[in-house]
């Protein structure tokens, strides 16, 4: 989606400049160019926002993997179900581990 927004923004700027130039009026050229530029700016910012969200999601996934590696698993003495040591009871049988 991000690359699509980027390319659409370039197309919008190009088309607005061509249409504005073809009107033959300087004021229409400026107004159409400003409108196209505004739309393109919004699309460029959308592209940047989507890129930043992808980067944040990648960092969160990496962080989650690291946290999973740091956690210890407990083997329930009652049913032998493996569960996280952060839990106070076995999610399978309800045995209180702590």
C-alpha atoms as a PDB file:
ATOM      1  CA  UNK A   1       0.000   0.000   0.000  1.00  0.00           C
ATOM      2  CA  UNK A   2       2.842   2.380   0.777  1.00  0.00           C
ATOM      3  CA  UNK A   3       4.489   2.113  -2.607  1.00  0.00           C
ATOM      4  CA  UNK A   4       1.124   2.523  -4.305  1.00  0.00           C
ATOM      5  CA  UNK A   5       0.522   5.791  -2.429  1.00  0.00           C
ATOM      6  CA  UNK A   6       3.976   7.014  -3.446  1.00  0.00           C
ATOM      7  CA  UNK A   7       3.462   6.290  -7.133  1.00  0.00           C
ATOM      8  CA  UNK A   8      -0.068   7.699  -7.134  1.00  0.00           C
ATOM      9  CA  UNK A   9       1.308  10.895  -5.562  1.00  0.00           C
ATOM     10  CA  UNK A  10       3.849  11.240  -8.368  1.00  0.00           C
ATOM     11  CA  UNK A  11       1.108  10.673 -10.950  1.00  0.00           C
ATOM     12  CA  UNK A  12      -1.153  13.257  -9.257  1.00  0.00           C
ATOM     13  CA  UNK A  13       1.590  15.896  -9.314  1.00  0.00           C
ATOM     14  CA  UNK A  14       2.395  15.186 -12.958  1.00  0.00           C
ATOM     15  CA  UNK A  15      -1.234  15.217 -14.093  1.00  0.00           C
ATOM     16  CA  UNK A  16      -2.048  18.380 -12.124  1.00  0.00           C
ATOM     17  CA  UNK A  17       0.912  20.199 -13.670  1.00  0.00           C
ATOM     18  CA  UNK A  18      -0.011  19.067 -17.174  1.00  0.00           C
ATOM     19  CA  UNK A  19      -3.696  19.980 -16.730  1.00  0.00           C
ATOM     20  CA  UNK A  20      -2.790  23.300 -15.127  1.00  0.00           C
ATOM     21  CA  UNK A  21      -0.378  24.144 -17.919  1.00  0.00           C
ATOM     22  CA  UNK A  22      -2.884  23.169 -20.604  1.00  0.00           C
ATOM     23  CA  UNK A  23      -5.483  25.631 -19.267  1.00  0.00           C
ATOM     24  CA  UNK A  24      -3.412  28.547 -20.542  1.00  0.00           C
ATOM     25  CA  UNK A  25      -4.217  30.660 -17.480  1.00  0.00           C
ATOM     26  CA  UNK A  26      -1.588  31.322 -14.824  1.00  0.00           C
ATOM     27  CA  UNK A  27      -4.177  31.445 -12.014  1.00  0.00           C
ATOM     28  CA  UNK A  28      -5.710  28.117 -13.076  1.00  0.00           C
ATOM     29  CA  UNK A  29      -2.210  26.644 -13.348  1.00  0.00           C
ATOM     30  CA  UNK A  30      -1.422  27.768  -9.800  1.00  0.00           C
ATOM     31  CA  UNK A  31      -4.763  26.599  -8.372  1.00  0.00           C
ATOM     32  CA  UNK A  32      -4.694  23.179 -10.061  1.00  0.00           C
ATOM     33  CA  UNK A  33      -1.013  22.763  -9.216  1.00  0.00           C
ATOM     34  CA  UNK A  34      -1.681  23.654  -5.575  1.00  0.00           C
ATOM     35  CA  UNK A  35      -4.574  21.213  -5.403  1.00  0.00           C
ATOM     36  CA  UNK A  36      -2.499  18.431  -6.971  1.00  0.00           C
ATOM     37  CA  UNK A  37       0.424  19.245  -4.729  1.00  0.00           C
ATOM     38  CA  UNK A  38      -1.802  19.077  -1.649  1.00  0.00           C
ATOM     39  CA  UNK A  39      -3.185  15.688  -2.630  1.00  0.00           C
ATOM     40  CA  UNK A  40       0.327  14.456  -3.409  1.00  0.00           C
ATOM     41  CA  UNK A  41       1.599  15.710  -0.038  1.00  0.00           C
ATOM     42  CA  UNK A  42      -1.144  13.787   1.738  1.00  0.00           C
ATOM     43  CA  UNK A  43      -0.235  10.648  -0.211  1.00  0.00           C
ATOM     44  CA  UNK A  44       3.491  11.078   0.507  1.00  0.00           C
ATOM     45  CA  UNK A  45       2.708  11.457   4.215  1.00  0.00           C
ATOM     46  CA  UNK A  46       0.483   8.366   4.082  1.00  0.00           C
ATOM     47  CA  UNK A  47       3.393   6.479   2.527  1.00  0.00           C
ATOM     48  CA  UNK A  48       5.690   7.664   5.334  1.00  0.00           C
ATOM     49  CA  UNK A  49       3.131   6.730   7.991  1.00  0.00           C
ATOM     50  CA  UNK A  50       2.707   3.226   6.574  1.00  0.00           C
ATOM     51  CA  UNK A  51       6.475   2.763   6.417  1.00  0.00           C
ATOM     52  CA  UNK A  52       6.843   3.849  10.054  1.00  0.00           C
ATOM     53  CA  UNK A  53       4.069   1.485  11.134  1.00  0.00           C
ATOM     54  CA  UNK A  54       5.803  -1.426   9.413  1.00  0.00           C
ATOM     55  CA  UNK A  55       9.049  -0.573  11.185  1.00  0.00           C
ATOM     56  CA  UNK A  56       7.320  -0.338  14.570  1.00  0.00           C
ATOM     57  CA  UNK A  57       5.553  -3.663  13.997  1.00  0.00           C
ATOM     58  CA  UNK A  58       8.836  -5.339  13.055  1.00  0.00           C
ATOM     59  CA  UNK A  59      10.483  -4.027  16.242  1.00  0.00           C
ATOM     60  CA  UNK A  60       7.532  -5.162  18.362  1.00  0.00           C
ATOM     61  CA  UNK A  61       7.688  -8.645  16.844  1.00  0.00           C
ATOM     62  CA  UNK A  62      11.422  -8.815  17.506  1.00  0.00           C
ATOM     63  CA  UNK A  63      10.871  -7.658  21.087  1.00  0.00           C
ATOM     64  CA  UNK A  64       8.134 -10.254  21.596  1.00  0.00           C
ATOM     65  CA  UNK A  65      10.454 -13.017  20.369  1.00  0.00           C
ATOM     66  CA  UNK A  66      13.147 -11.874  22.804  1.00  0.00           C
ATOM     67  CA  UNK A  67      10.675 -11.842  25.694  1.00  0.00           C
ATOM     68  CA  UNK A  68       9.499 -15.362  24.805  1.00  0.00           C
ATOM     69  CA  UNK A  69      13.114 -16.574  24.917  1.00  0.00           C
ATOM     70  CA  UNK A  70      13.621 -15.016  28.356  1.00  0.00           C
ATOM     71  CA  UNK A  71      10.543 -16.580  29.922  1.00  0.00           C
ATOM     72  CA  UNK A  72      10.809 -19.973  31.564  1.00  0.00           C
ATOM     73  CA  UNK A  73       8.298 -22.740  31.146  1.00  0.00           C
ATOM     74  CA  UNK A  74       7.083 -24.764  34.106  1.00  0.00           C
ATOM     75  CA  UNK A  75       6.043 -28.386  33.881  1.00  0.00           C
ATOM     76  CA  UNK A  76       2.860 -28.826  35.911  1.00  0.00           C
ATOM     77  CA  UNK A  77       3.411 -31.504  38.573  1.00  0.00           C
ATOM     78  CA  UNK A  78      -0.256 -32.508  38.337  1.00  0.00           C
ATOM     79  CA  UNK A  79      -0.894 -32.914  34.558  1.00  0.00           C
ATOM     80  CA  UNK A  80       2.624 -32.287  33.103  1.00  0.00           C
ATOM     81  CA  UNK A  81       1.339 -29.409  30.920  1.00  0.00           C
ATOM     82  CA  UNK A  82       4.068 -26.861  30.120  1.00  0.00           C
ATOM     83  CA  UNK A  83       3.093 -23.256  30.859  1.00  0.00           C
ATOM     84  CA  UNK A  84       4.703 -19.864  31.408  1.00  0.00           C
ATOM     85  CA  UNK A  85       6.257 -19.118  34.798  1.00  0.00           C
ATOM     86  CA  UNK A  86       4.435 -15.770  34.837  1.00  0.00           C
ATOM     87  CA  UNK A  87       1.152 -17.623  35.498  1.00  0.00           C
ATOM     88  CA  UNK A  88       0.202 -18.580  39.047  1.00  0.00           C
ATOM     89  CA  UNK A  89      -1.727 -21.701  38.082  1.00  0.00           C
ATOM     90  CA  UNK A  90      -1.761 -24.281  35.319  1.00  0.00           C
ATOM     91  CA  UNK A  91      -4.110 -23.193  32.508  1.00  0.00           C
ATOM     92  CA  UNK A  92      -4.835 -26.849  31.724  1.00  0.00           C
ATOM     93  CA  UNK A  93      -5.812 -28.321  35.093  1.00  0.00           C
ATOM     94  CA  UNK A  94      -5.856 -25.323  37.451  1.00  0.00           C
ATOM     95  CA  UNK A  95      -3.089 -26.603  39.762  1.00  0.00           C
ATOM     96  CA  UNK A  96      -1.571 -23.752  41.792  1.00  0.00           C
ATOM     97  CA  UNK A  97       2.126 -23.604  40.975  1.00  0.00           C
ATOM     98  CA  UNK A  98       3.073 -20.870  43.437  1.00  0.00           C
END
